[in-house]
């Protein structure tokens, strides 16, 4: 089964995961242990969920929405605590990206469902 719409979504997420991993490694020593663990868990979970999207796991759509919410909350938490000058910018950007990714996920799910049935 080919899933072109989901493939594009997962590719975009994977690019963001790689960029986040680079940022994580660059700023690892500057992060508190709490944020080191949170972002490690987010990176691992994100990778697992990308694979689960391809496998059409029944739980993955809800897990992806929860993951996106946790990423947005964690990033905004980091910015409000340590980069308060950039918090409003991050809040706006992360909220817009959250909305875009949730809509994109929903649309790609529907497109692939229609193609396969």
PDB file of N, CA and C in Angstrom:
ATOM      1  N   UNK A   1       0.829  -1.191   0.000  1.00  0.00           N
ATOM      2  CA  UNK A   1       0.000   0.000   0.000  1.00  0.00           C
ATOM      3  C   UNK A   1       0.870   1.250   0.000  1.00  0.00           C
ATOM      4  N   UNK A   2       0.690   2.063  -0.987  1.00  0.00           N
ATOM      5  CA  UNK A   2       1.404   3.334  -0.988  1.00  0.00           C
ATOM      6  C   UNK A   2       0.539   4.383  -0.333  1.00  0.00           C
ATOM      7  N   UNK A   3       1.179   5.259   0.398  1.00  0.00           N
ATOM      8  CA  UNK A   3       0.469   6.293   1.137  1.00  0.00           C
ATOM      9  C   UNK A   3       1.168   7.627   0.884  1.00  0.00           C
ATOM     10  N   UNK A   4       0.959   8.216  -0.302  1.00  0.00           N
ATOM     11  CA  UNK A   4       1.719   9.419  -0.650  1.00  0.00           C
ATOM     12  C   UNK A   4       1.475  10.604   0.278  1.00  0.00           C
ATOM     13  N   UNK A   5       0.248  10.805   0.714  1.00  0.00           N
ATOM     14  CA  UNK A   5      -0.034  11.960   1.577  1.00  0.00           C
ATOM     15  C   UNK A   5       0.639  11.789   2.937  1.00  0.00           C
ATOM     16  N   UNK A   6       0.550  10.599   3.508  1.00  0.00           N
ATOM     17  CA  UNK A   6       1.204  10.334   4.786  1.00  0.00           C
ATOM     18  C   UNK A   6       2.719  10.375   4.644  1.00  0.00           C
ATOM     19  N   UNK A   7       3.221   9.923   3.515  1.00  0.00           N
ATOM     20  CA  UNK A   7       4.677   9.933   3.296  1.00  0.00           C
ATOM     21  C   UNK A   7       5.227  11.352   3.344  1.00  0.00           C
ATOM     22  N   UNK A   8       4.508  12.283   2.746  1.00  0.00           N
ATOM     23  CA  UNK A   8       4.950  13.685   2.769  1.00  0.00           C
ATOM     24  C   UNK A   8       4.898  14.243   4.188  1.00  0.00           C
ATOM     25  N   UNK A   9       3.860  13.899   4.915  1.00  0.00           N
ATOM     26  CA  UNK A   9       3.740  14.356   6.303  1.00  0.00           C
ATOM     27  C   UNK A   9       4.895  13.811   7.144  1.00  0.00           C
ATOM     28  N   UNK A  10       5.158  12.513   7.014  1.00  0.00           N
ATOM     29  CA  UNK A  10       6.232  11.891   7.795  1.00  0.00           C
ATOM     30  C   UNK A  10       7.590  12.452   7.389  1.00  0.00           C
ATOM     31  N   UNK A  11       7.794  12.728   6.109  1.00  0.00           N
ATOM     32  CA  UNK A  11       9.055  13.329   5.662  1.00  0.00           C
ATOM     33  C   UNK A  11       9.259  14.689   6.337  1.00  0.00           C
ATOM     34  N   UNK A  12       8.218  15.502   6.367  1.00  0.00           N
ATOM     35  CA  UNK A  12       8.313  16.810   7.023  1.00  0.00           C
ATOM     36  C   UNK A  12       8.629  16.644   8.510  1.00  0.00           C
ATOM     37  N   UNK A  13       7.957  15.690   9.165  1.00  0.00           N
ATOM     38  CA  UNK A  13       8.216  15.446  10.585  1.00  0.00           C
ATOM     39  C   UNK A  13       9.638  14.940  10.810  1.00  0.00           C
ATOM     40  N   UNK A  14      10.091  14.066   9.923  1.00  0.00           N
ATOM     41  CA  UNK A  14      11.443  13.521  10.080  1.00  0.00           C
ATOM     42  C   UNK A  14      12.497  14.611   9.913  1.00  0.00           C
ATOM     43  N   UNK A  15      12.291  15.517   8.970  1.00  0.00           N
ATOM     44  CA  UNK A  15      13.225  16.649   8.808  1.00  0.00           C
ATOM     45  C   UNK A  15      13.264  17.476  10.090  1.00  0.00           C
ATOM     46  N   UNK A  16      12.095  17.723  10.673  1.00  0.00           N
ATOM     47  CA  UNK A  16      12.046  18.470  11.940  1.00  0.00           C
ATOM     48  C   UNK A  16      12.703  17.693  13.082  1.00  0.00           C
ATOM     49  N   UNK A  17      12.547  16.374  13.090  1.00  0.00           N
ATOM     50  CA  UNK A  17      13.198  15.548  14.113  1.00  0.00           C
ATOM     51  C   UNK A  17      14.712  15.662  13.999  1.00  0.00           C
ATOM     52  N   UNK A  18      15.233  15.598  12.786  1.00  0.00           N
ATOM     53  CA  UNK A  18      16.679  15.721  12.584  1.00  0.00           C
ATOM     54  C   UNK A  18      17.171  17.099  13.027  1.00  0.00           C
ATOM     55  N   UNK A  19      16.454  18.146  12.653  1.00  0.00           N
ATOM     56  CA  UNK A  19      16.827  19.499  13.085  1.00  0.00           C
ATOM     57  C   UNK A  19      16.761  19.635  14.610  1.00  0.00           C
ATOM     58  N   UNK A  20      15.732  19.043  15.211  1.00  0.00           N
ATOM     59  CA  UNK A  20      15.605  19.081  16.673  1.00  0.00           C
ATOM     60  C   UNK A  20      16.734  18.306  17.335  1.00  0.00           C
ATOM     61  N   UNK A  21      17.124  17.185  16.741  1.00  0.00           N
ATOM     62  CA  UNK A  21      18.231  16.401  17.293  1.00  0.00           C
ATOM     63  C   UNK A  21      19.538  17.189  17.238  1.00  0.00           C
ATOM     64  N   UNK A  22      19.763  17.904  16.150  1.00  0.00           N
ATOM     65  CA  UNK A  22      20.964  18.748  16.030  1.00  0.00           C
ATOM     66  C   UNK A  22      20.941  19.833  17.103  1.00  0.00           C
ATOM     67  N   UNK A  23      19.793  20.507  17.263  1.00  0.00           N
ATOM     68  CA  UNK A  23      19.677  21.544  18.297  1.00  0.00           C
ATOM     69  C   UNK A  23      19.859  20.941  19.683  1.00  0.00           C
ATOM     70  N   UNK A  24      19.305  19.767  19.899  1.00  0.00           N
ATOM     71  CA  UNK A  24      19.426  19.074  21.184  1.00  0.00           C
ATOM     72  C   UNK A  24      20.891  18.804  21.516  1.00  0.00           C
ATOM     73  N   UNK A  25      21.631  18.310  20.530  1.00  0.00           N
ATOM     74  CA  UNK A  25      23.055  18.021  20.764  1.00  0.00           C
ATOM     75  C   UNK A  25      23.869  19.301  20.958  1.00  0.00           C
ATOM     76  N   UNK A  26      23.550  20.341  20.209  1.00  0.00           N
ATOM     77  CA  UNK A  26      24.289  21.604  20.339  1.00  0.00           C
ATOM     78  C   UNK A  26      24.066  22.268  21.694  1.00  0.00           C
ATOM     79  N   UNK A  27      22.849  22.192  22.215  1.00  0.00           N
ATOM     80  CA  UNK A  27      22.502  22.900  23.455  1.00  0.00           C
ATOM     81  C   UNK A  27      22.338  21.976  24.651  1.00  0.00           C
ATOM     82  N   UNK A  28      22.747  20.731  24.521  1.00  0.00           N
ATOM     83  CA  UNK A  28      22.549  19.739  25.575  1.00  0.00           C
ATOM     84  C   UNK A  28      23.095  20.215  26.921  1.00  0.00           C
ATOM     85  N   UNK A  29      24.315  20.720  26.939  1.00  0.00           N
ATOM     86  CA  UNK A  29      24.942  21.141  28.199  1.00  0.00           C
ATOM     87  C   UNK A  29      24.254  22.351  28.830  1.00  0.00           C
ATOM     88  N   UNK A  30      23.561  23.133  28.026  1.00  0.00           N
ATOM     89  CA  UNK A  30      22.882  24.322  28.548  1.00  0.00           C
ATOM     90  C   UNK A  30      21.485  24.009  29.083  1.00  0.00           C
ATOM     91  N   UNK A  31      20.952  22.845  28.748  1.00  0.00           N
ATOM     92  CA  UNK A  31      19.620  22.457  29.205  1.00  0.00           C
ATOM     93  C   UNK A  31      19.691  21.887  30.620  1.00  0.00           C
ATOM     94  N   UNK A  32      18.623  22.111  31.367  1.00  0.00           N
ATOM     95  CA  UNK A  32      18.535  21.460  32.676  1.00  0.00           C
ATOM     96  C   UNK A  32      18.278  19.970  32.452  1.00  0.00           C
ATOM     97  N   UNK A  33      18.496  19.170  33.482  1.00  0.00           N
ATOM     98  CA  UNK A  33      18.262  17.731  33.367  1.00  0.00           C
ATOM     99  C   UNK A  33      16.801  17.464  32.986  1.00  0.00           C
ATOM    100  N   UNK A  34      15.886  18.241  33.535  1.00  0.00           N
ATOM    101  CA  UNK A  34      14.463  18.090  33.207  1.00  0.00           C
ATOM    102  C   UNK A  34      14.239  18.225  31.702  1.00  0.00           C
ATOM    103  N   UNK A  35      14.755  19.302  31.106  1.00  0.00           N
ATOM    104  CA  UNK A  35      14.547  19.514  29.674  1.00  0.00           C
ATOM    105  C   UNK A  35      15.371  18.536  28.837  1.00  0.00           C
ATOM    106  N   UNK A  36      16.517  18.099  29.328  1.00  0.00           N
ATOM    107  CA  UNK A  36      17.273  17.065  28.624  1.00  0.00           C
ATOM    108  C   UNK A  36      16.425  15.799  28.489  1.00  0.00           C
ATOM    109  N   UNK A  37      15.793  15.402  29.590  1.00  0.00           N
ATOM    110  CA  UNK A  37      14.970  14.186  29.568  1.00  0.00           C
ATOM    111  C   UNK A  37      13.699  14.370  28.749  1.00  0.00           C
ATOM    112  N   UNK A  38      13.036  15.491  28.924  1.00  0.00           N
ATOM    113  CA  UNK A  38      11.799  15.747  28.163  1.00  0.00           C
ATOM    114  C   UNK A  38      12.072  15.700  26.661  1.00  0.00           C
ATOM    115  N   UNK A  39      13.112  16.410  26.216  1.00  0.00           N
ATOM    116  CA  UNK A  39      13.388  16.455  24.780  1.00  0.00           C
ATOM    117  C   UNK A  39      13.917  15.124  24.253  1.00  0.00           C
ATOM    118  N   UNK A  40      14.625  14.368  25.081  1.00  0.00           N
ATOM    119  CA  UNK A  40      15.050  13.026  24.673  1.00  0.00           C
ATOM    120  C   UNK A  40      13.826  12.142  24.455  1.00  0.00           C
ATOM    121  N   UNK A  41      12.897  12.174  25.394  1.00  0.00           N
ATOM    122  CA  UNK A  41      11.668  11.380  25.270  1.00  0.00           C
ATOM    123  C   UNK A  41      10.870  11.815  24.038  1.00  0.00           C
ATOM    124  N   UNK A  42      10.798  13.119  23.812  1.00  0.00           N
ATOM    125  CA  UNK A  42      10.074  13.628  22.635  1.00  0.00           C
ATOM    126  C   UNK A  42      10.726  13.139  21.347  1.00  0.00           C
ATOM    127  N   UNK A  43      12.055  13.191  21.270  1.00  0.00           N
ATOM    128  CA  UNK A  43      12.750  12.752  20.046  1.00  0.00           C
ATOM    129  C   UNK A  43      12.534  11.261  19.791  1.00  0.00           C
ATOM    130  N   UNK A  44      12.649  10.452  20.831  1.00  0.00           N
ATOM    131  CA  UNK A  44      12.454   9.007  20.657  1.00  0.00           C
ATOM    132  C   UNK A  44      11.003   8.709  20.280  1.00  0.00           C
ATOM    133  N   UNK A  45      10.068   9.311  20.986  1.00  0.00           N
ATOM    134  CA  UNK A  45       8.646   9.105  20.702  1.00  0.00           C
ATOM    135  C   UNK A  45       8.291   9.566  19.294  1.00  0.00           C
ATOM    136  N   UNK A  46       8.858  10.679  18.879  1.00  0.00           N
ATOM    137  CA  UNK A  46       8.585  11.195  17.535  1.00  0.00           C
ATOM    138  C   UNK A  46       9.022  10.213  16.463  1.00  0.00           C
ATOM    139  N   UNK A  47      10.177   9.621  16.654  1.00  0.00           N
ATOM    140  CA  UNK A  47      10.690   8.648  15.689  1.00  0.00           C
ATOM    141  C   UNK A  47       9.795   7.406  15.647  1.00  0.00           C
ATOM    142  N   UNK A  48       9.383   6.929  16.809  1.00  0.00           N
ATOM    143  CA  UNK A  48       8.497   5.765  16.882  1.00  0.00           C
ATOM    144  C   UNK A  48       7.163   6.063  16.198  1.00  0.00           C
ATOM    145  N   UNK A  49       6.612   7.232  16.453  1.00  0.00           N
ATOM    146  CA  UNK A  49       5.317   7.588  15.870  1.00  0.00           C
ATOM    147  C   UNK A  49       5.413   7.712  14.351  1.00  0.00           C
ATOM    148  N   UNK A  50       6.512   8.223  13.840  1.00  0.00           N
ATOM    149  CA  UNK A  50       6.676   8.296  12.372  1.00  0.00           C
ATOM    150  C   UNK A  50       6.604   6.907  11.752  1.00  0.00           C
ATOM    151  N   UNK A  51       7.257   5.941  12.382  1.00  0.00           N
ATOM    152  CA  UNK A  51       7.170   4.565  11.896  1.00  0.00           C
ATOM    153  C   UNK A  51       5.764   4.006  12.008  1.00  0.00           C
ATOM    154  N   UNK A  52       5.095   4.320  13.108  1.00  0.00           N
ATOM    155  CA  UNK A  52       3.731   3.817  13.325  1.00  0.00           C
ATOM    156  C   UNK A  52       2.745   4.412  12.319  1.00  0.00           C
ATOM    157  N   UNK A  53       2.998   5.630  11.866  1.00  0.00           N
ATOM    158  CA  UNK A  53       2.129   6.228  10.840  1.00  0.00           C
ATOM    159  C   UNK A  53       2.190   5.388   9.566  1.00  0.00           C
ATOM    160  N   UNK A  54       3.396   4.974   9.182  1.00  0.00           N
ATOM    161  CA  UNK A  54       3.531   4.138   7.981  1.00  0.00           C
ATOM    162  C   UNK A  54       2.864   2.775   8.160  1.00  0.00           C
ATOM    163  N   UNK A  55       2.856   2.280   9.387  1.00  0.00           N
ATOM    164  CA  UNK A  55       2.271   0.968   9.645  1.00  0.00           C
ATOM    165  C   UNK A  55       0.760   1.029   9.878  1.00  0.00           C
ATOM    166  N   UNK A  56       0.178   2.228   9.811  1.00  0.00           N
ATOM    167  CA  UNK A  56      -1.266   2.410  10.013  1.00  0.00           C
ATOM    168  C   UNK A  56      -1.761   1.844  11.337  1.00  0.00           C
ATOM    169  N   UNK A  57      -0.991   2.049  12.377  1.00  0.00           N
ATOM    170  CA  UNK A  57      -1.422   1.600  13.703  1.00  0.00           C
ATOM    171  C   UNK A  57      -2.693   2.352  14.099  1.00  0.00           C
ATOM    172  N   UNK A  58      -3.598   1.664  14.748  1.00  0.00           N
ATOM    173  CA  UNK A  58      -4.888   2.264  15.079  1.00  0.00           C
ATOM    174  C   UNK A  58      -4.763   3.429  16.062  1.00  0.00           C
ATOM    175  N   UNK A  59      -3.761   3.415  16.888  1.00  0.00           N
ATOM    176  CA  UNK A  59      -3.592   4.423  17.934  1.00  0.00           C
ATOM    177  C   UNK A  59      -2.784   5.631  17.495  1.00  0.00           C
ATOM    178  N   UNK A  60      -2.202   5.589  16.308  1.00  0.00           N
ATOM    179  CA  UNK A  60      -1.158   6.558  15.969  1.00  0.00           C
ATOM    180  C   UNK A  60      -1.683   7.979  15.736  1.00  0.00           C
ATOM    181  N   UNK A  61      -2.868   8.116  15.198  1.00  0.00           N
ATOM    182  CA  UNK A  61      -3.365   9.472  14.931  1.00  0.00           C
ATOM    183  C   UNK A  61      -3.539  10.249  16.241  1.00  0.00           C
ATOM    184  N   UNK A  62      -4.139   9.622  17.235  1.00  0.00           N
ATOM    185  CA  UNK A  62      -4.293  10.276  18.538  1.00  0.00           C
ATOM    186  C   UNK A  62      -2.936  10.507  19.201  1.00  0.00           C
ATOM    187  N   UNK A  63      -2.043   9.532  19.087  1.00  0.00           N
ATOM    188  CA  UNK A  63      -0.700   9.674  19.670  1.00  0.00           C
ATOM    189  C   UNK A  63       0.049  10.834  19.022  1.00  0.00           C
ATOM    190  N   UNK A  64      -0.115  11.004  17.726  1.00  0.00           N
ATOM    191  CA  UNK A  64       0.565  12.100  17.021  1.00  0.00           C
ATOM    192  C   UNK A  64       0.028  13.455  17.471  1.00  0.00           C
ATOM    193  N   UNK A  65      -1.262  13.560  17.641  1.00  0.00           N
ATOM    194  CA  UNK A  65      -1.842  14.826  18.110  1.00  0.00           C
ATOM    195  C   UNK A  65      -1.343  15.138  19.520  1.00  0.00           C
ATOM    196  N   UNK A  66      -1.318  14.137  20.385  1.00  0.00           N
ATOM    197  CA  UNK A  66      -0.794  14.332  21.745  1.00  0.00           C
ATOM    198  C   UNK A  66       0.675  14.722  21.694  1.00  0.00           C
ATOM    199  N   UNK A  67       1.454  14.063  20.821  1.00  0.00           N
ATOM    200  CA  UNK A  67       2.883  14.383  20.682  1.00  0.00           C
ATOM    201  C   UNK A  67       3.066  15.830  20.243  1.00  0.00           C
ATOM    202  N   UNK A  68       2.289  16.258  19.273  1.00  0.00           N
ATOM    203  CA  UNK A  68       2.391  17.640  18.799  1.00  0.00           C
ATOM    204  C   UNK A  68       2.078  18.628  19.917  1.00  0.00           C
ATOM    205  N   UNK A  69       1.068  18.327  20.713  1.00  0.00           N
ATOM    206  CA  UNK A  69       0.726  19.196  21.850  1.00  0.00           C
ATOM    207  C   UNK A  69       1.857  19.232  22.878  1.00  0.00           C
ATOM    208  N   UNK A  70       2.434  18.074  23.175  1.00  0.00           N
ATOM    209  CA  UNK A  70       3.532  18.014  24.147  1.00  0.00           C
ATOM    210  C   UNK A  70       4.753  18.778  23.639  1.00  0.00           C
ATOM    211  N   UNK A  71       5.048  18.655  22.356  1.00  0.00           N
ATOM    212  CA  UNK A  71       6.179  19.404  21.778  1.00  0.00           C
ATOM    213  C   UNK A  71       5.945  20.900  21.933  1.00  0.00           C
ATOM    214  N   UNK A  72       4.749  21.365  21.578  1.00  0.00           N
ATOM    215  CA  UNK A  72       4.443  22.796  21.676  1.00  0.00           C
ATOM    216  C   UNK A  72       4.527  23.276  23.124  1.00  0.00           C
ATOM    217  N   UNK A  73       3.960  22.523  24.043  1.00  0.00           N
ATOM    218  CA  UNK A  73       3.998  22.908  25.458  1.00  0.00           C
ATOM    219  C   UNK A  73       5.428  22.916  25.987  1.00  0.00           C
ATOM    220  N   UNK A  74       6.207  21.912  25.631  1.00  0.00           N
ATOM    221  CA  UNK A  74       7.598  21.818  26.115  1.00  0.00           C
ATOM    222  C   UNK A  74       8.453  22.957  25.574  1.00  0.00           C
ATOM    223  N   UNK A  75       8.329  23.226  24.279  1.00  0.00           N
ATOM    224  CA  UNK A  75       9.105  24.329  23.700  1.00  0.00           C
ATOM    225  C   UNK A  75       8.727  25.666  24.327  1.00  0.00           C
ATOM    226  N   UNK A  76       7.428  25.884  24.485  1.00  0.00           N
ATOM    227  CA  UNK A  76       6.992  27.135  25.086  1.00  0.00           C
ATOM    228  C   UNK A  76       7.409  27.223  26.551  1.00  0.00           C
ATOM    229  N   UNK A  77       7.397  26.094  27.254  1.00  0.00           N
ATOM    230  CA  UNK A  77       7.887  26.078  28.627  1.00  0.00           C
ATOM    231  C   UNK A  77       9.356  26.449  28.717  1.00  0.00           C
ATOM    232  N   UNK A  78      10.147  25.905  27.802  1.00  0.00           N
ATOM    233  CA  UNK A  78      11.577  26.245  27.752  1.00  0.00           C
ATOM    234  C   UNK A  78      11.766  27.732  27.485  1.00  0.00           C
ATOM    235  N   UNK A  79      11.002  28.246  26.539  1.00  0.00           N
ATOM    236  CA  UNK A  79      11.159  29.658  26.166  1.00  0.00           C
ATOM    237  C   UNK A  79      10.657  30.608  27.250  1.00  0.00           C
ATOM    238  N   UNK A  80       9.575  30.264  27.919  1.00  0.00           N
ATOM    239  CA  UNK A  80       9.075  31.156  28.958  1.00  0.00           C
ATOM    240  C   UNK A  80      10.045  31.207  30.141  1.00  0.00           C
ATOM    241  N   UNK A  81      10.741  30.102  30.413  1.00  0.00           N
ATOM    242  CA  UNK A  81      11.665  30.048  31.541  1.00  0.00           C
ATOM    243  C   UNK A  81      13.047  30.630  31.228  1.00  0.00           C
ATOM    244  N   UNK A  82      13.540  30.396  30.012  1.00  0.00           N
ATOM    245  CA  UNK A  82      14.943  30.724  29.726  1.00  0.00           C
ATOM    246  C   UNK A  82      15.157  31.736  28.603  1.00  0.00           C
ATOM    247  N   UNK A  83      14.182  31.924  27.766  1.00  0.00           N
ATOM    248  CA  UNK A  83      14.317  32.857  26.648  1.00  0.00           C
ATOM    249  C   UNK A  83      13.075  33.731  26.582  1.00  0.00           C
ATOM    250  N   UNK A  84      12.770  34.409  27.680  1.00  0.00           N
ATOM    251  CA  UNK A  84      11.502  35.131  27.788  1.00  0.00           C
ATOM    252  C   UNK A  84      11.338  36.232  26.739  1.00  0.00           C
ATOM    253  N   UNK A  85      12.451  36.767  26.249  1.00  0.00           N
ATOM    254  CA  UNK A  85      12.364  37.784  25.195  1.00  0.00           C
ATOM    255  C   UNK A  85      11.778  37.208  23.901  1.00  0.00           C
ATOM    256  N   UNK A  86      11.936  35.908  23.695  1.00  0.00           N
ATOM    257  CA  UNK A  86      11.466  35.253  22.477  1.00  0.00           C
ATOM    258  C   UNK A  86      10.185  34.461  22.701  1.00  0.00           C
ATOM    259  N   UNK A  87       9.642  34.496  23.914  1.00  0.00           N
ATOM    260  CA  UNK A  87       8.504  33.640  24.228  1.00  0.00           C
ATOM    261  C   UNK A  87       7.290  33.921  23.346  1.00  0.00           C
ATOM    262  N   UNK A  88       6.911  35.169  23.178  1.00  0.00           N
ATOM    263  CA  UNK A  88       5.711  35.491  22.375  1.00  0.00           C
ATOM    264  C   UNK A  88       5.904  35.027  20.932  1.00  0.00           C
ATOM    265  N   UNK A  89       7.090  35.243  20.394  1.00  0.00           N
ATOM    266  CA  UNK A  89       7.383  34.785  19.029  1.00  0.00           C
ATOM    267  C   UNK A  89       7.254  33.273  18.931  1.00  0.00           C
ATOM    268  N   UNK A  90       7.825  32.558  19.914  1.00  0.00           N
ATOM    269  CA  UNK A  90       7.738  31.101  19.916  1.00  0.00           C
ATOM    270  C   UNK A  90       6.303  30.637  20.111  1.00  0.00           C
ATOM    271  N   UNK A  91       5.564  31.304  20.964  1.00  0.00           N
ATOM    272  CA  UNK A  91       4.173  30.942  21.197  1.00  0.00           C
ATOM    273  C   UNK A  91       3.351  31.058  19.920  1.00  0.00           C
ATOM    274  N   UNK A  92       3.517  32.145  19.211  1.00  0.00           N
ATOM    275  CA  UNK A  92       2.786  32.352  17.956  1.00  0.00           C
ATOM    276  C   UNK A  92       3.204  31.316  16.912  1.00  0.00           C
ATOM    277  N   UNK A  93       4.515  31.150  16.730  1.00  0.00           N
ATOM    278  CA  UNK A  93       5.015  30.191  15.730  1.00  0.00           C
ATOM    279  C   UNK A  93       4.603  28.757  16.053  1.00  0.00           C
ATOM    280  N   UNK A  94       4.744  28.374  17.310  1.00  0.00           N
ATOM    281  CA  UNK A  94       4.411  26.996  17.671  1.00  0.00           C
ATOM    282  C   UNK A  94       2.910  26.739  17.577  1.00  0.00           C
ATOM    283  N   UNK A  95       2.100  27.723  17.901  1.00  0.00           N
ATOM    284  CA  UNK A  95       0.651  27.561  17.782  1.00  0.00           C
ATOM    285  C   UNK A  95       0.240  27.423  16.314  1.00  0.00           C
ATOM    286  N   UNK A  96       0.826  28.244  15.457  1.00  0.00           N
ATOM    287  CA  UNK A  96       0.531  28.137  14.024  1.00  0.00           C
ATOM    288  C   UNK A  96       0.986  26.791  13.464  1.00  0.00           C
ATOM    289  N   UNK A  97       2.205  26.375  13.825  1.00  0.00           N
ATOM    290  CA  UNK A  97       2.704  25.079  13.341  1.00  0.00           C
ATOM    291  C   UNK A  97       1.866  23.928  13.882  1.00  0.00           C
ATOM    292  N   UNK A  98       1.451  24.010  15.128  1.00  0.00           N
ATOM    293  CA  UNK A  98       0.594  22.986  15.707  1.00  0.00           C
ATOM    294  C   UNK A  98      -0.696  22.853  14.898  1.00  0.00           C
ATOM    295  N   UNK A  99      -1.317  23.971  14.594  1.00  0.00           N
ATOM    296  CA  UNK A  99      -2.554  23.951  13.810  1.00  0.00           C
ATOM    297  C   UNK A  99      -2.308  23.387  12.414  1.00  0.00           C
ATOM    298  N   UNK A 100      -1.238  23.829  11.768  1.00  0.00           N
ATOM    299  CA  UNK A 100      -0.909  23.345  10.423  1.00  0.00           C
ATOM    300  C   UNK A 100      -0.691  21.838  10.430  1.00  0.00           C
ATOM    301  N   UNK A 101       0.088  21.343  11.394  1.00  0.00           N
ATOM    302  CA  UNK A 101       0.380  19.905  11.414  1.00  0.00           C
ATOM    303  C   UNK A 101      -0.846  19.066  11.759  1.00  0.00           C
ATOM    304  N   UNK A 102      -1.714  19.548  12.632  1.00  0.00           N
ATOM    305  CA  UNK A 102      -2.925  18.787  12.951  1.00  0.00           C
ATOM    306  C   UNK A 102      -3.849  18.730  11.737  1.00  0.00           C
ATOM    307  N   UNK A 103      -4.014  19.852  11.054  1.00  0.00           N
ATOM    308  CA  UNK A 103      -4.848  19.863   9.841  1.00  0.00           C
ATOM    309  C   UNK A 103      -4.219  18.990   8.755  1.00  0.00           C
ATOM    310  N   UNK A 104      -2.893  19.115   8.562  1.00  0.00           N
ATOM    311  CA  UNK A 104      -2.187  18.309   7.559  1.00  0.00           C
ATOM    312  C   UNK A 104      -2.321  16.824   7.872  1.00  0.00           C
ATOM    313  N   UNK A 105      -2.171  16.447   9.130  1.00  0.00           N
ATOM    314  CA  UNK A 105      -2.319  15.045   9.522  1.00  0.00           C
ATOM    315  C   UNK A 105      -3.721  14.548   9.186  1.00  0.00           C
ATOM    316  N   UNK A 106      -4.715  15.322   9.529  1.00  0.00           N
ATOM    317  CA  UNK A 106      -6.097  14.923   9.270  1.00  0.00           C
ATOM    318  C   UNK A 106      -6.361  14.785   7.765  1.00  0.00           C
ATOM    319  N   UNK A 107      -5.909  15.765   6.994  1.00  0.00           N
ATOM    320  CA  UNK A 107      -6.115  15.722   5.535  1.00  0.00           C
ATOM    321  C   UNK A 107      -5.374  14.548   4.911  1.00  0.00           C
ATOM    322  N   UNK A 108      -4.130  14.328   5.316  1.00  0.00           N
ATOM    323  CA  UNK A 108      -3.364  13.224   4.724  1.00  0.00           C
ATOM    324  C   UNK A 108      -3.972  11.878   5.098  1.00  0.00           C
ATOM    325  N   UNK A 109      -4.519  11.780   6.298  1.00  0.00           N
ATOM    326  CA  UNK A 109      -5.178  10.548   6.714  1.00  0.00           C
ATOM    327  C   UNK A 109      -6.389  10.278   5.829  1.00  0.00           C
ATOM    328  N   UNK A 110      -7.181  11.326   5.576  1.00  0.00           N
ATOM    329  CA  UNK A 110      -8.377  11.178   4.747  1.00  0.00           C
ATOM    330  C   UNK A 110      -8.019  10.873   3.293  1.00  0.00           C
ATOM    331  N   UNK A 111      -6.985  11.566   2.754  1.00  0.00           N
ATOM    332  CA  UNK A 111      -6.587  11.336   1.355  1.00  0.00           C
ATOM    333  C   UNK A 111      -6.132   9.898   1.170  1.00  0.00           C
ATOM    334  N   UNK A 112      -5.287   9.400   2.068  1.00  0.00           N
ATOM    335  CA  UNK A 112      -4.796   8.042   1.905  1.00  0.00           C
ATOM    336  C   UNK A 112      -5.898   7.022   2.115  1.00  0.00           C
ATOM    337  N   UNK A 113      -6.837   7.305   3.009  1.00  0.00           N
ATOM    338  CA  UNK A 113      -7.950   6.408   3.216  1.00  0.00           C
ATOM    339  C   UNK A 113      -8.789   6.314   1.948  1.00  0.00           C
ATOM    340  N   UNK A 114      -9.009   7.459   1.300  1.00  0.00           N
ATOM    341  CA  UNK A 114      -9.793   7.463   0.053  1.00  0.00           C
ATOM    342  C   UNK A 114      -9.068   6.743  -1.078  1.00  0.00           C
ATOM    343  N   UNK A 115      -7.741   6.896  -1.133  1.00  0.00           N
ATOM    344  CA  UNK A 115      -6.969   6.215  -2.180  1.00  0.00           C
ATOM    345  C   UNK A 115      -6.957   4.706  -1.996  1.00  0.00           C
ATOM    346  N   UNK A 116      -6.944   4.256  -0.759  1.00  0.00           N
ATOM    347  CA  UNK A 116      -6.846   2.819  -0.490  1.00  0.00           C
ATOM    348  C   UNK A 116      -8.192   2.115  -0.548  1.00  0.00           C
ATOM    349  N   UNK A 117      -9.275   2.865  -0.456  1.00  0.00           N
ATOM    350  CA  UNK A 117     -10.608   2.229  -0.448  1.00  0.00           C
ATOM    351  C   UNK A 117     -11.392   2.528  -1.697  1.00  0.00           C
TER     352      UNK A 117
END
